[in-house]
């Protein structure tokens, strides 16, 4: 039976928080770390709709080229490459992200990670991660009990819960442990070496 690992991209595979916040600050120097982190308490695109457009570029066409350029200069989270390489022996791996596909795919190629992922479900696949998680599980012939979502934000945990999928929260990304606890993940881990035994325990 197929078993899937789904990853958020920003914050889990690459620590892009400073990159994105730095771009936003050039447009609005008053933005704080907290302002940006709060955009991920729910669905990122809902935050834009609900009056937080002041801290987002007016158009994704303005933000993403700058993001892509700086992203390529930011190496993966230490240890995550080895974990991904090891997991590919046992599991199918997919990325579910709010970012557009092109910089994610370019990044994976640049850091020799593209061979380990079956698909990228980015912004082009929709704004709802709940829908994208369900689509990924269905497309790859798995069942929700045989899939796990790894993320670093409370908003993603809420969407994983809505999709009926278990989640692992990691504290090396956008949100701290106290925030992540509000999303009721199966496990919260604080270091990459904890990832492999945790996934294997949950997926068997």
N, C-alpha and C. Protein backbone atom coordinates (compact mmCIF):
# COMPACT_ATOMS: atom_id res chain seq x y z
N UNK A 1 0.84 -1.19 0.00
CA UNK A 1 0.00 0.00 0.00
C UNK A 1 0.88 1.25 0.00
N UNK A 2 0.57 2.22 -0.85
CA UNK A 2 1.41 3.40 -0.99
C UNK A 2 1.33 4.26 0.27
N UNK A 3 2.48 4.79 0.64
CA UNK A 3 2.58 5.68 1.79
C UNK A 3 3.24 6.97 1.33
N UNK A 4 2.66 8.08 1.75
CA UNK A 4 3.07 9.39 1.26
C UNK A 4 3.58 10.29 2.38
N UNK A 5 4.64 11.01 2.08
CA UNK A 5 5.07 12.12 2.92
C UNK A 5 4.82 13.40 2.13
N UNK A 6 4.04 14.29 2.69
CA UNK A 6 3.79 15.59 2.07
C UNK A 6 4.54 16.64 2.89
N UNK A 7 5.23 17.53 2.21
CA UNK A 7 6.03 18.56 2.86
C UNK A 7 5.51 19.95 2.49
N UNK A 8 5.42 20.82 3.47
CA UNK A 8 5.41 22.24 3.15
C UNK A 8 6.83 22.58 2.69
N UNK A 9 6.96 23.60 1.88
CA UNK A 9 8.29 23.95 1.35
C UNK A 9 8.99 25.00 2.20
N UNK A 10 8.42 26.21 2.22
CA UNK A 10 9.04 27.30 2.97
C UNK A 10 8.96 27.02 4.47
N UNK A 11 10.12 27.04 5.11
CA UNK A 11 10.16 26.81 6.55
C UNK A 11 10.47 25.39 6.94
N UNK A 12 10.17 24.43 6.07
CA UNK A 12 10.47 23.02 6.36
C UNK A 12 11.72 22.57 5.63
N UNK A 13 11.74 22.78 4.31
CA UNK A 13 12.89 22.37 3.50
C UNK A 13 13.92 23.48 3.41
N UNK A 14 13.46 24.71 3.33
CA UNK A 14 14.37 25.86 3.26
C UNK A 14 13.86 26.95 4.19
N UNK A 15 14.76 27.56 4.94
CA UNK A 15 14.39 28.63 5.86
C UNK A 15 14.33 29.94 5.09
N UNK A 16 13.18 30.21 4.52
CA UNK A 16 13.02 31.37 3.64
C UNK A 16 12.34 32.55 4.33
N UNK A 17 12.16 32.46 5.64
CA UNK A 17 11.44 33.53 6.36
C UNK A 17 12.13 34.88 6.17
N UNK A 18 13.43 34.93 6.39
CA UNK A 18 14.14 36.21 6.28
C UNK A 18 14.13 36.74 4.85
N UNK A 19 14.20 35.82 3.89
CA UNK A 19 14.15 36.22 2.48
C UNK A 19 12.84 36.94 2.18
N UNK A 20 11.74 36.28 2.52
CA UNK A 20 10.42 36.85 2.21
C UNK A 20 10.16 38.13 2.98
N UNK A 21 10.47 38.13 4.27
CA UNK A 21 10.24 39.32 5.08
C UNK A 21 11.08 40.49 4.58
N UNK A 22 12.31 40.22 4.19
CA UNK A 22 13.16 41.28 3.68
C UNK A 22 12.60 41.93 2.43
N UNK A 23 12.02 41.13 1.55
CA UNK A 23 11.39 41.66 0.33
C UNK A 23 10.20 42.54 0.70
N UNK A 24 9.38 42.07 1.62
CA UNK A 24 8.19 42.82 2.02
C UNK A 24 8.57 44.13 2.72
N UNK A 25 9.64 44.11 3.48
CA UNK A 25 10.06 45.31 4.20
C UNK A 25 10.52 46.42 3.25
N UNK A 26 10.98 46.04 2.08
CA UNK A 26 11.39 47.06 1.12
C UNK A 26 10.20 47.87 0.65
N UNK A 27 9.04 47.27 0.66
CA UNK A 27 7.82 47.97 0.27
C UNK A 27 7.20 48.69 1.46
N UNK A 28 7.28 48.04 2.63
CA UNK A 28 6.69 48.61 3.85
C UNK A 28 7.63 48.35 5.02
N UNK A 29 8.51 49.30 5.33
CA UNK A 29 9.51 49.11 6.39
C UNK A 29 8.91 48.89 7.77
N UNK A 30 7.61 49.16 7.93
CA UNK A 30 6.98 49.03 9.24
C UNK A 30 6.59 47.58 9.57
N UNK A 31 6.69 46.70 8.61
CA UNK A 31 6.32 45.30 8.85
C UNK A 31 7.23 44.70 9.91
N UNK A 32 6.65 43.95 10.82
CA UNK A 32 7.43 43.27 11.85
C UNK A 32 7.43 41.76 11.59
N UNK A 33 8.35 41.06 12.27
CA UNK A 33 8.35 39.61 12.20
C UNK A 33 6.98 39.06 12.55
N UNK A 34 6.37 39.60 13.59
CA UNK A 34 5.07 39.11 14.06
C UNK A 34 3.99 39.31 12.99
N UNK A 35 4.03 40.46 12.33
CA UNK A 35 3.05 40.70 11.26
C UNK A 35 3.08 39.58 10.23
N UNK A 36 4.30 39.24 9.80
CA UNK A 36 4.42 38.23 8.75
C UNK A 36 4.07 36.84 9.26
N UNK A 37 4.54 36.50 10.45
CA UNK A 37 4.20 35.19 11.01
C UNK A 37 2.69 35.02 11.16
N UNK A 38 2.00 36.11 11.52
CA UNK A 38 0.56 36.03 11.72
C UNK A 38 -0.21 35.73 10.43
N UNK A 39 0.42 35.99 9.28
CA UNK A 39 -0.23 35.65 8.00
C UNK A 39 -0.41 34.15 7.84
N UNK A 40 0.29 33.36 8.65
CA UNK A 40 0.27 31.90 8.51
C UNK A 40 -0.46 31.22 9.66
N UNK A 41 -1.25 32.00 10.40
CA UNK A 41 -2.08 31.42 11.45
C UNK A 41 -3.28 30.69 10.85
N UNK A 42 -3.62 31.06 9.63
CA UNK A 42 -4.64 30.38 8.84
C UNK A 42 -4.08 30.21 7.43
N UNK A 43 -4.95 30.06 6.46
CA UNK A 43 -4.49 29.99 5.08
C UNK A 43 -3.87 31.32 4.68
N UNK A 44 -2.68 31.27 4.09
CA UNK A 44 -1.94 32.48 3.72
C UNK A 44 -2.77 33.40 2.84
N UNK A 45 -3.48 32.85 1.88
CA UNK A 45 -4.24 33.69 0.96
C UNK A 45 -5.50 34.25 1.61
N UNK A 46 -6.04 33.57 2.61
CA UNK A 46 -7.14 34.15 3.38
C UNK A 46 -6.67 35.36 4.15
N UNK A 47 -5.43 35.33 4.65
CA UNK A 47 -4.89 36.48 5.38
C UNK A 47 -4.87 37.71 4.50
N UNK A 48 -4.56 37.51 3.23
CA UNK A 48 -4.55 38.63 2.29
C UNK A 48 -5.97 39.19 2.10
N UNK A 49 -6.94 38.30 2.02
CA UNK A 49 -8.32 38.73 1.82
C UNK A 49 -8.85 39.46 3.05
N UNK A 50 -8.42 39.02 4.23
CA UNK A 50 -8.97 39.55 5.48
C UNK A 50 -8.20 40.76 6.00
N UNK A 51 -7.81 41.64 5.10
CA UNK A 51 -7.30 42.92 5.53
C UNK A 51 -5.82 42.98 5.83
N UNK A 52 -5.05 41.96 5.45
CA UNK A 52 -3.62 42.02 5.71
C UNK A 52 -2.84 42.26 4.43
N UNK A 53 -3.50 42.80 3.43
CA UNK A 53 -2.82 43.06 2.16
C UNK A 53 -1.75 44.14 2.31
N UNK A 54 -1.78 44.87 3.44
CA UNK A 54 -0.77 45.91 3.65
C UNK A 54 0.63 45.34 3.77
N UNK A 55 0.75 44.05 4.10
CA UNK A 55 2.09 43.49 4.26
C UNK A 55 2.44 42.51 3.15
N UNK A 56 1.62 42.49 2.11
CA UNK A 56 1.87 41.63 0.95
C UNK A 56 2.09 42.51 -0.26
N UNK A 57 2.98 42.09 -1.16
CA UNK A 57 3.14 42.82 -2.41
C UNK A 57 1.79 42.95 -3.11
N UNK A 58 1.60 44.08 -3.82
CA UNK A 58 0.35 44.30 -4.51
C UNK A 58 0.05 43.21 -5.52
N UNK A 59 1.08 42.62 -6.11
CA UNK A 59 0.90 41.57 -7.10
C UNK A 59 1.96 40.49 -6.89
N UNK A 60 1.57 39.20 -7.00
CA UNK A 60 2.58 38.15 -6.93
C UNK A 60 3.69 38.32 -7.97
N UNK A 61 3.36 38.99 -9.08
CA UNK A 61 4.35 39.21 -10.12
C UNK A 61 5.49 40.11 -9.64
N UNK A 62 5.22 40.90 -8.60
CA UNK A 62 6.27 41.73 -8.01
C UNK A 62 7.09 40.94 -7.00
N UNK A 63 6.42 40.11 -6.23
CA UNK A 63 7.10 39.40 -5.14
C UNK A 63 7.94 38.22 -5.63
N UNK A 64 7.36 37.35 -6.41
CA UNK A 64 8.00 36.06 -6.68
C UNK A 64 9.33 36.15 -7.45
N UNK A 65 9.52 37.08 -8.40
CA UNK A 65 10.85 37.15 -9.03
C UNK A 65 11.95 37.49 -8.02
N UNK A 66 11.67 38.37 -7.10
CA UNK A 66 12.65 38.72 -6.08
C UNK A 66 12.87 37.54 -5.13
N UNK A 67 11.78 36.91 -4.78
CA UNK A 67 11.85 35.73 -3.91
C UNK A 67 12.69 34.63 -4.56
N UNK A 68 12.44 34.34 -5.82
CA UNK A 68 13.15 33.26 -6.52
C UNK A 68 14.64 33.52 -6.56
N UNK A 69 15.02 34.76 -6.85
CA UNK A 69 16.43 35.10 -6.95
C UNK A 69 17.16 34.87 -5.62
N UNK A 70 16.56 35.32 -4.53
CA UNK A 70 17.20 35.20 -3.22
C UNK A 70 17.10 33.78 -2.67
N UNK A 71 16.04 33.10 -3.03
CA UNK A 71 15.86 31.74 -2.55
C UNK A 71 17.01 30.84 -2.96
N UNK A 72 17.48 31.00 -4.20
CA UNK A 72 18.53 30.14 -4.71
C UNK A 72 19.84 30.26 -3.93
N UNK A 73 19.98 31.36 -3.21
CA UNK A 73 21.18 31.58 -2.42
C UNK A 73 21.04 31.07 -0.99
N UNK A 74 19.90 30.45 -0.68
CA UNK A 74 19.63 29.98 0.68
C UNK A 74 19.64 28.45 0.68
N UNK A 75 20.62 27.81 1.29
CA UNK A 75 20.70 26.35 1.24
C UNK A 75 19.59 25.69 2.05
N UNK A 76 19.32 24.42 1.78
CA UNK A 76 18.30 23.70 2.55
C UNK A 76 18.63 23.69 4.05
N UNK A 77 17.59 23.52 4.84
CA UNK A 77 17.76 23.36 6.29
C UNK A 77 18.78 22.24 6.54
N UNK A 78 19.77 22.46 7.38
CA UNK A 78 20.78 21.42 7.62
C UNK A 78 20.16 20.07 8.01
N UNK A 79 20.57 19.04 7.30
CA UNK A 79 20.10 17.69 7.59
C UNK A 79 18.88 17.25 6.81
N UNK A 80 18.12 18.21 6.24
CA UNK A 80 16.86 17.83 5.58
C UNK A 80 17.12 17.06 4.29
N UNK A 81 18.21 17.37 3.59
CA UNK A 81 18.52 16.67 2.35
C UNK A 81 18.75 15.19 2.62
N UNK A 82 19.51 14.88 3.64
CA UNK A 82 19.77 13.47 3.97
C UNK A 82 18.48 12.74 4.34
N UNK A 83 17.60 13.40 5.07
CA UNK A 83 16.33 12.78 5.45
C UNK A 83 15.49 12.49 4.22
N UNK A 84 15.41 13.46 3.30
CA UNK A 84 14.64 13.28 2.06
C UNK A 84 15.21 12.13 1.23
N UNK A 85 16.51 12.09 1.13
CA UNK A 85 17.15 11.00 0.38
C UNK A 85 16.84 9.64 0.99
N UNK A 86 16.87 9.56 2.28
CA UNK A 86 16.61 8.29 2.96
C UNK A 86 15.14 7.89 2.83
N UNK A 87 14.25 8.86 2.95
CA UNK A 87 12.81 8.55 2.88
C UNK A 87 12.40 8.02 1.51
N UNK A 88 13.10 8.43 0.46
CA UNK A 88 12.69 8.03 -0.88
C UNK A 88 12.78 6.52 -1.07
N UNK A 89 13.53 5.83 -0.22
CA UNK A 89 13.64 4.38 -0.31
C UNK A 89 12.35 3.69 0.14
N UNK A 90 11.55 4.38 0.92
CA UNK A 90 10.36 3.76 1.52
C UNK A 90 9.05 4.44 1.17
N UNK A 91 9.09 5.75 0.87
CA UNK A 91 7.86 6.52 0.73
C UNK A 91 7.88 7.35 -0.55
N UNK A 92 6.69 7.68 -1.05
CA UNK A 92 6.57 8.69 -2.10
C UNK A 92 6.52 10.05 -1.42
N UNK A 93 7.19 11.04 -2.02
CA UNK A 93 7.30 12.35 -1.40
C UNK A 93 6.75 13.43 -2.33
N UNK A 94 6.00 14.36 -1.73
CA UNK A 94 5.29 15.40 -2.49
C UNK A 94 5.42 16.71 -1.74
N UNK A 95 5.46 17.81 -2.46
CA UNK A 95 5.46 19.13 -1.84
C UNK A 95 4.09 19.77 -2.04
N UNK A 96 3.56 20.32 -0.95
CA UNK A 96 2.30 21.08 -0.98
C UNK A 96 2.62 22.47 -0.43
N UNK A 97 2.53 23.48 -1.27
CA UNK A 97 3.00 24.81 -0.90
C UNK A 97 2.08 25.91 -1.40
N UNK A 98 2.17 27.08 -0.77
CA UNK A 98 1.44 28.25 -1.25
C UNK A 98 2.23 29.01 -2.30
N UNK A 99 3.50 28.67 -2.45
CA UNK A 99 4.37 29.32 -3.41
C UNK A 99 4.08 28.82 -4.83
N UNK A 100 4.34 29.64 -5.83
CA UNK A 100 4.17 29.19 -7.21
C UNK A 100 5.19 28.09 -7.51
N UNK A 101 4.88 27.27 -8.49
CA UNK A 101 5.69 26.09 -8.76
C UNK A 101 7.12 26.40 -9.23
N UNK A 102 7.28 27.41 -10.09
CA UNK A 102 8.56 27.57 -10.77
C UNK A 102 9.75 27.75 -9.84
N UNK A 103 9.71 28.63 -8.82
CA UNK A 103 10.89 28.74 -7.96
C UNK A 103 11.13 27.50 -7.11
N UNK A 104 10.05 26.80 -6.75
CA UNK A 104 10.22 25.57 -5.98
C UNK A 104 10.93 24.52 -6.82
N UNK A 105 10.49 24.33 -8.04
CA UNK A 105 11.13 23.34 -8.92
C UNK A 105 12.57 23.74 -9.24
N UNK A 106 12.79 25.03 -9.46
CA UNK A 106 14.15 25.49 -9.73
C UNK A 106 15.05 25.23 -8.53
N UNK A 107 14.52 25.48 -7.35
CA UNK A 107 15.30 25.26 -6.13
C UNK A 107 15.64 23.77 -5.97
N UNK A 108 14.65 22.92 -6.17
CA UNK A 108 14.90 21.48 -6.04
C UNK A 108 15.96 21.01 -7.02
N UNK A 109 15.93 21.53 -8.25
CA UNK A 109 16.96 21.17 -9.23
C UNK A 109 18.34 21.69 -8.79
N UNK A 110 18.37 22.92 -8.31
CA UNK A 110 19.64 23.53 -7.93
C UNK A 110 20.34 22.78 -6.81
N UNK A 111 19.53 22.22 -5.91
CA UNK A 111 20.11 21.51 -4.76
C UNK A 111 19.96 19.99 -4.87
N UNK A 112 19.75 19.53 -6.11
CA UNK A 112 19.71 18.09 -6.42
C UNK A 112 18.67 17.34 -5.58
N UNK A 113 17.51 17.96 -5.42
CA UNK A 113 16.43 17.34 -4.67
C UNK A 113 15.25 16.94 -5.54
N UNK A 114 15.23 17.41 -6.79
CA UNK A 114 14.06 17.18 -7.64
C UNK A 114 13.77 15.71 -7.88
N UNK A 115 14.80 14.88 -7.90
CA UNK A 115 14.61 13.45 -8.18
C UNK A 115 13.84 12.73 -7.08
N UNK A 116 13.73 13.35 -5.91
CA UNK A 116 13.12 12.67 -4.78
C UNK A 116 11.63 12.99 -4.61
N UNK A 117 11.11 13.91 -5.42
CA UNK A 117 9.72 14.33 -5.26
C UNK A 117 8.88 13.94 -6.47
N UNK A 118 7.74 13.36 -6.21
CA UNK A 118 6.84 12.92 -7.28
C UNK A 118 6.07 14.09 -7.90
N UNK A 119 5.82 15.14 -7.10
CA UNK A 119 5.01 16.25 -7.60
C UNK A 119 5.17 17.45 -6.68
N UNK A 120 4.84 18.62 -7.25
CA UNK A 120 4.73 19.85 -6.48
C UNK A 120 3.33 20.40 -6.68
N UNK A 121 2.59 20.56 -5.60
CA UNK A 121 1.26 21.16 -5.65
C UNK A 121 1.42 22.59 -5.11
N UNK A 122 1.62 23.54 -6.03
CA UNK A 122 1.84 24.92 -5.64
C UNK A 122 0.60 25.78 -5.79
N UNK A 123 0.83 27.09 -5.86
CA UNK A 123 -0.27 28.05 -5.96
C UNK A 123 -1.14 27.75 -7.18
N UNK A 124 -0.53 27.28 -8.25
CA UNK A 124 -1.29 27.01 -9.47
C UNK A 124 -2.36 25.94 -9.27
N UNK A 125 -2.16 25.08 -8.28
CA UNK A 125 -3.14 24.02 -8.00
C UNK A 125 -4.26 24.50 -7.10
N UNK A 126 -4.22 25.77 -6.70
CA UNK A 126 -5.28 26.32 -5.85
C UNK A 126 -4.71 26.94 -4.58
N UNK A 127 -5.54 27.70 -3.90
CA UNK A 127 -5.11 28.35 -2.67
C UNK A 127 -5.30 27.46 -1.45
N UNK A 128 -6.23 26.55 -1.50
CA UNK A 128 -6.55 25.71 -0.34
C UNK A 128 -5.59 24.53 -0.23
N UNK A 129 -4.85 24.48 0.86
CA UNK A 129 -3.99 23.32 1.08
C UNK A 129 -4.81 22.09 1.44
N UNK A 130 -5.95 22.29 2.04
CA UNK A 130 -6.84 21.16 2.31
C UNK A 130 -7.18 20.43 1.02
N UNK A 131 -7.57 21.19 0.00
CA UNK A 131 -7.90 20.59 -1.29
C UNK A 131 -6.67 19.95 -1.93
N UNK A 132 -5.53 20.62 -1.83
CA UNK A 132 -4.33 20.08 -2.46
C UNK A 132 -3.85 18.81 -1.77
N UNK A 133 -3.99 18.76 -0.47
CA UNK A 133 -3.64 17.53 0.25
C UNK A 133 -4.53 16.38 -0.19
N UNK A 134 -5.81 16.64 -0.26
CA UNK A 134 -6.75 15.59 -0.70
C UNK A 134 -6.44 15.15 -2.13
N UNK A 135 -6.16 16.12 -3.00
CA UNK A 135 -5.84 15.79 -4.39
C UNK A 135 -4.58 14.94 -4.49
N UNK A 136 -3.56 15.29 -3.69
CA UNK A 136 -2.30 14.55 -3.72
C UNK A 136 -2.49 13.11 -3.26
N UNK A 137 -3.23 12.95 -2.19
CA UNK A 137 -3.47 11.60 -1.67
C UNK A 137 -4.23 10.76 -2.70
N UNK A 138 -5.24 11.37 -3.31
CA UNK A 138 -6.03 10.63 -4.31
C UNK A 138 -5.21 10.32 -5.55
N UNK A 139 -4.44 11.30 -6.04
CA UNK A 139 -3.70 11.11 -7.27
C UNK A 139 -2.68 9.98 -7.16
N UNK A 140 -2.10 9.83 -5.99
CA UNK A 140 -1.06 8.83 -5.83
C UNK A 140 -1.57 7.54 -5.18
N UNK A 141 -2.88 7.37 -5.19
CA UNK A 141 -3.48 6.10 -4.80
C UNK A 141 -3.25 5.70 -3.37
N UNK A 142 -3.15 6.68 -2.49
CA UNK A 142 -2.95 6.38 -1.08
C UNK A 142 -4.25 6.59 -0.31
N UNK A 143 -4.21 6.34 0.97
CA UNK A 143 -5.32 6.63 1.87
C UNK A 143 -4.81 7.60 2.92
N UNK A 144 -5.70 8.37 3.50
CA UNK A 144 -5.25 9.41 4.43
C UNK A 144 -4.49 8.83 5.61
N UNK A 145 -4.83 7.62 6.01
CA UNK A 145 -4.12 7.03 7.15
C UNK A 145 -2.70 6.60 6.78
N UNK A 146 -2.41 6.59 5.48
CA UNK A 146 -1.07 6.21 5.02
C UNK A 146 -0.29 7.42 4.51
N UNK A 147 -0.67 8.58 4.99
CA UNK A 147 0.02 9.81 4.57
C UNK A 147 0.27 10.68 5.80
N UNK A 148 1.28 11.51 5.70
CA UNK A 148 1.64 12.43 6.78
C UNK A 148 2.06 13.75 6.16
N UNK A 149 1.70 14.86 6.80
CA UNK A 149 2.06 16.18 6.31
C UNK A 149 3.03 16.82 7.30
N UNK A 150 4.18 17.29 6.79
CA UNK A 150 5.19 17.92 7.62
C UNK A 150 5.15 19.42 7.36
N UNK A 151 4.93 20.20 8.40
CA UNK A 151 4.78 21.64 8.22
C UNK A 151 5.30 22.41 9.43
N UNK A 152 5.40 23.72 9.25
CA UNK A 152 5.93 24.59 10.30
C UNK A 152 4.97 25.69 10.71
N UNK A 153 3.71 25.65 10.23
CA UNK A 153 2.77 26.72 10.55
C UNK A 153 1.44 26.20 11.06
N UNK A 154 0.82 27.01 11.89
CA UNK A 154 -0.49 26.67 12.44
C UNK A 154 -1.54 26.58 11.34
N UNK A 155 -1.48 27.48 10.37
CA UNK A 155 -2.47 27.44 9.29
C UNK A 155 -2.45 26.13 8.55
N UNK A 156 -1.26 25.61 8.27
CA UNK A 156 -1.14 24.33 7.58
C UNK A 156 -1.70 23.19 8.43
N UNK A 157 -1.46 23.25 9.73
CA UNK A 157 -1.98 22.19 10.60
C UNK A 157 -3.51 22.18 10.57
N UNK A 158 -4.10 23.35 10.56
CA UNK A 158 -5.57 23.43 10.47
C UNK A 158 -6.06 22.82 9.16
N UNK A 159 -5.35 23.10 8.08
CA UNK A 159 -5.78 22.58 6.78
C UNK A 159 -5.55 21.07 6.69
N UNK A 160 -4.48 20.59 7.29
CA UNK A 160 -4.25 19.15 7.33
C UNK A 160 -5.35 18.46 8.12
N UNK A 161 -5.74 19.05 9.24
CA UNK A 161 -6.82 18.48 10.04
C UNK A 161 -8.12 18.42 9.23
N UNK A 162 -8.39 19.48 8.48
CA UNK A 162 -9.60 19.51 7.66
C UNK A 162 -9.57 18.45 6.57
N UNK A 163 -8.38 18.12 6.10
CA UNK A 163 -8.23 17.08 5.07
C UNK A 163 -8.23 15.68 5.66
N UNK A 164 -8.21 15.58 6.98
CA UNK A 164 -8.23 14.28 7.63
C UNK A 164 -6.88 13.58 7.63
N UNK A 165 -5.80 14.35 7.50
CA UNK A 165 -4.47 13.76 7.45
C UNK A 165 -3.69 14.11 8.71
N UNK A 166 -2.86 13.20 9.15
CA UNK A 166 -2.02 13.46 10.32
C UNK A 166 -0.87 14.39 9.95
N UNK A 167 -0.33 15.05 10.96
CA UNK A 167 0.71 16.03 10.69
C UNK A 167 1.84 15.95 11.72
N UNK A 168 3.01 16.34 11.25
CA UNK A 168 4.18 16.54 12.10
C UNK A 168 4.52 18.02 12.01
N UNK A 169 4.58 18.69 13.15
CA UNK A 169 4.95 20.10 13.17
C UNK A 169 6.42 20.22 13.53
N UNK A 170 7.11 21.13 12.84
CA UNK A 170 8.54 21.34 13.10
C UNK A 170 8.75 22.78 13.57
N UNK A 171 9.64 22.96 14.52
CA UNK A 171 9.83 24.28 15.12
C UNK A 171 10.97 25.08 14.50
N UNK A 172 11.59 24.55 13.43
CA UNK A 172 12.70 25.30 12.82
C UNK A 172 12.20 26.23 11.71
N UNK A 173 10.89 26.39 11.59
CA UNK A 173 10.33 27.24 10.54
C UNK A 173 9.69 28.52 11.07
N UNK A 174 8.49 28.82 10.60
CA UNK A 174 7.87 30.11 10.83
C UNK A 174 7.24 30.26 12.22
N UNK A 175 6.70 29.17 12.79
CA UNK A 175 5.98 29.27 14.06
C UNK A 175 6.68 28.50 15.18
N UNK A 176 6.54 29.01 16.39
CA UNK A 176 7.16 28.36 17.55
C UNK A 176 6.26 27.25 18.10
N UNK A 177 6.79 26.54 19.05
CA UNK A 177 6.07 25.38 19.60
C UNK A 177 4.71 25.76 20.18
N UNK A 178 4.67 26.85 20.93
CA UNK A 178 3.41 27.25 21.57
C UNK A 178 2.32 27.51 20.53
N UNK A 179 2.69 28.13 19.42
CA UNK A 179 1.72 28.39 18.34
C UNK A 179 1.30 27.09 17.68
N UNK A 180 2.25 26.23 17.40
CA UNK A 180 1.97 24.96 16.72
C UNK A 180 1.09 24.04 17.55
N UNK A 181 1.21 24.11 18.85
CA UNK A 181 0.39 23.26 19.71
C UNK A 181 -1.10 23.50 19.50
N UNK A 182 -1.47 24.72 19.09
CA UNK A 182 -2.88 25.04 18.86
C UNK A 182 -3.46 24.31 17.65
N UNK A 183 -2.60 23.72 16.82
CA UNK A 183 -3.07 22.98 15.66
C UNK A 183 -3.20 21.49 15.89
N UNK A 184 -2.91 21.03 17.10
CA UNK A 184 -3.05 19.62 17.48
C UNK A 184 -2.37 18.65 16.51
N UNK A 185 -1.09 18.88 16.21
CA UNK A 185 -0.38 17.89 15.38
C UNK A 185 -0.17 16.61 16.16
N UNK A 186 0.13 15.53 15.45
CA UNK A 186 0.43 14.27 16.13
C UNK A 186 1.70 14.41 16.97
N UNK A 187 2.68 15.13 16.41
CA UNK A 187 3.97 15.28 17.06
C UNK A 187 4.52 16.66 16.71
N UNK A 188 5.25 17.26 17.66
CA UNK A 188 6.03 18.45 17.38
C UNK A 188 7.49 18.09 17.61
N UNK A 189 8.34 18.38 16.62
CA UNK A 189 9.76 18.08 16.76
C UNK A 189 10.57 19.36 16.58
N UNK A 190 11.74 19.39 17.18
CA UNK A 190 12.55 20.61 17.17
C UNK A 190 13.88 20.46 16.44
N UNK A 191 14.17 19.26 15.94
CA UNK A 191 15.44 19.04 15.26
C UNK A 191 15.24 18.03 14.13
N UNK A 192 15.96 18.25 13.03
CA UNK A 192 15.81 17.38 11.86
C UNK A 192 16.10 15.91 12.17
N UNK A 193 17.09 15.57 13.00
CA UNK A 193 17.32 14.15 13.28
C UNK A 193 16.12 13.42 13.90
N UNK A 194 15.19 14.18 14.47
CA UNK A 194 13.98 13.56 15.02
C UNK A 194 12.99 13.16 13.93
N UNK A 195 13.17 13.68 12.73
CA UNK A 195 12.18 13.50 11.69
C UNK A 195 12.07 12.06 11.23
N UNK A 196 13.18 11.42 10.99
CA UNK A 196 13.16 10.07 10.44
C UNK A 196 12.47 9.07 11.38
N UNK A 197 12.85 8.99 12.65
CA UNK A 197 12.15 8.05 13.53
C UNK A 197 10.69 8.40 13.73
N UNK A 198 10.37 9.70 13.70
CA UNK A 198 8.98 10.11 13.89
C UNK A 198 8.11 9.67 12.72
N UNK A 199 8.57 9.91 11.50
CA UNK A 199 7.82 9.49 10.32
C UNK A 199 7.65 7.97 10.30
N UNK A 200 8.70 7.26 10.56
CA UNK A 200 8.62 5.79 10.52
C UNK A 200 7.68 5.25 11.60
N UNK A 201 7.63 5.91 12.72
CA UNK A 201 6.70 5.50 13.77
C UNK A 201 5.26 5.70 13.35
N UNK A 202 4.99 6.83 12.70
CA UNK A 202 3.61 7.16 12.32
C UNK A 202 3.15 6.39 11.09
N UNK A 203 4.06 6.18 10.14
CA UNK A 203 3.66 5.49 8.91
C UNK A 203 3.97 3.99 8.92
N UNK A 204 4.77 3.55 9.89
CA UNK A 204 5.05 2.13 10.00
C UNK A 204 6.06 1.63 8.98
